[in-house]
């Protein structure tokens, strides 16, 4: 019983920490990775509740589908940073 409480506390901390990381991180790529960690740790909570089917659906649908969609959206919409030398070259032409 004590081991179950320790495991629950550990994964609750992982869930809360990664959810906080999703909100506070400025880089969208790292925020998406933290979202994946949060969703996976929620699946672990479902396993602890003996709801294996819901845990598998959590991993397949949310982690597999939604996170991949967010990852592609982040990668396709990021702008390239221009440096000062690029701006000087454009100004000279």
Protein backbone atom coordinates (compact mmCIF):
# COMPACT_ATOMS: atom_id res chain seq x y z
CA UNK A 1 0.00 0.00 0.00
CA UNK A 2 2.83 2.39 0.84
CA UNK A 3 4.57 1.61 -2.46
CA UNK A 4 1.39 2.51 -4.36
CA UNK A 5 1.18 5.85 -2.57
CA UNK A 6 4.83 6.60 -3.34
CA UNK A 7 4.32 5.72 -7.02
CA UNK A 8 1.20 7.86 -7.16
CA UNK A 9 2.99 10.78 -5.56
CA UNK A 10 5.92 10.42 -7.95
CA UNK A 11 3.74 10.37 -11.06
CA UNK A 12 1.52 13.15 -9.71
CA UNK A 13 4.64 15.28 -9.36
CA UNK A 14 5.73 14.40 -12.90
CA UNK A 15 2.27 15.28 -14.21
CA UNK A 16 2.13 18.63 -12.43
CA UNK A 17 5.72 19.52 -13.29
CA UNK A 18 5.34 18.76 -16.97
CA UNK A 19 1.98 20.56 -17.13
CA UNK A 20 3.65 23.57 -15.58
CA UNK A 21 6.40 23.24 -18.17
CA UNK A 22 3.83 23.30 -20.98
CA UNK A 23 2.54 26.63 -19.73
CA UNK A 24 5.81 28.30 -18.79
CA UNK A 25 8.23 27.24 -21.55
CA UNK A 26 8.68 29.79 -24.32
CA UNK A 27 9.90 27.36 -26.98
CA UNK A 28 6.88 25.64 -28.59
CA UNK A 29 8.90 22.50 -29.38
CA UNK A 30 9.86 21.97 -25.74
CA UNK A 31 6.32 22.78 -24.62
CA UNK A 32 5.01 20.08 -26.98
CA UNK A 33 7.50 17.59 -25.52
CA UNK A 34 6.33 18.48 -22.01
CA UNK A 35 2.76 17.91 -23.16
CA UNK A 36 3.77 14.42 -24.26
CA UNK A 37 5.28 13.73 -20.85
CA UNK A 38 2.13 14.98 -19.13
CA UNK A 39 -0.12 12.81 -21.30
CA UNK A 40 2.03 9.74 -20.74
CA UNK A 41 2.01 10.24 -17.00
CA UNK A 42 -1.78 10.51 -17.06
CA UNK A 43 -1.81 7.15 -18.84
CA UNK A 44 0.22 5.77 -15.93
CA UNK A 45 -2.45 7.06 -13.57
CA UNK A 46 -5.06 5.11 -15.55
CA UNK A 47 -2.96 1.96 -15.23
CA UNK A 48 -2.80 2.50 -11.48
CA UNK A 49 -6.61 2.69 -11.47
CA UNK A 50 -6.74 -0.68 -13.30
CA UNK A 51 -8.19 0.94 -16.42
CA UNK A 52 -5.74 -0.46 -18.96
CA UNK A 53 -8.00 0.07 -21.97
CA UNK A 54 -8.37 3.77 -21.18
CA UNK A 55 -4.60 4.01 -20.69
CA UNK A 56 -3.94 2.43 -24.10
CA UNK A 57 -6.46 4.77 -25.75
CA UNK A 58 -4.78 7.71 -23.99
CA UNK A 59 -1.43 6.75 -25.47
CA UNK A 60 -2.77 5.94 -28.94
CA UNK A 61 -5.12 8.88 -29.40
CA UNK A 62 -3.58 11.71 -27.43
CA UNK A 63 0.11 10.96 -27.38
CA UNK A 64 0.16 9.29 -30.79
CA UNK A 65 -2.26 11.50 -32.65
CA UNK A 66 -2.63 14.90 -31.06
CA UNK A 67 1.02 15.26 -30.10
CA UNK A 68 2.20 14.36 -33.60
CA UNK A 69 -0.24 16.92 -35.04
CA UNK A 70 1.03 19.60 -32.66
CA UNK A 71 4.62 18.70 -33.47
CA UNK A 72 4.05 19.08 -37.22
CA UNK A 73 2.21 22.36 -36.68
CA UNK A 74 5.06 23.72 -34.58
CA UNK A 75 7.73 22.63 -37.04
CA UNK A 76 5.87 23.99 -40.07
CA UNK A 77 4.98 27.37 -38.60
CA UNK A 78 8.25 28.40 -36.97
CA UNK A 79 9.99 31.35 -38.54
CA UNK A 80 13.68 31.42 -39.20
CA UNK A 81 15.53 34.02 -37.16
CA UNK A 82 17.36 36.56 -39.28
CA UNK A 83 20.73 37.78 -38.10
CA UNK A 84 22.22 41.23 -38.44
CA UNK A 85 24.44 40.11 -41.33
CA UNK A 86 21.38 38.89 -43.24
CA UNK A 87 19.73 42.27 -42.78
CA UNK A 88 22.86 44.08 -43.96
CA UNK A 89 23.01 41.94 -47.11
CA UNK A 90 19.38 42.68 -47.89
CA UNK A 91 19.93 46.41 -47.29
CA UNK A 92 22.90 46.48 -49.69
CA UNK A 93 20.93 44.99 -52.59
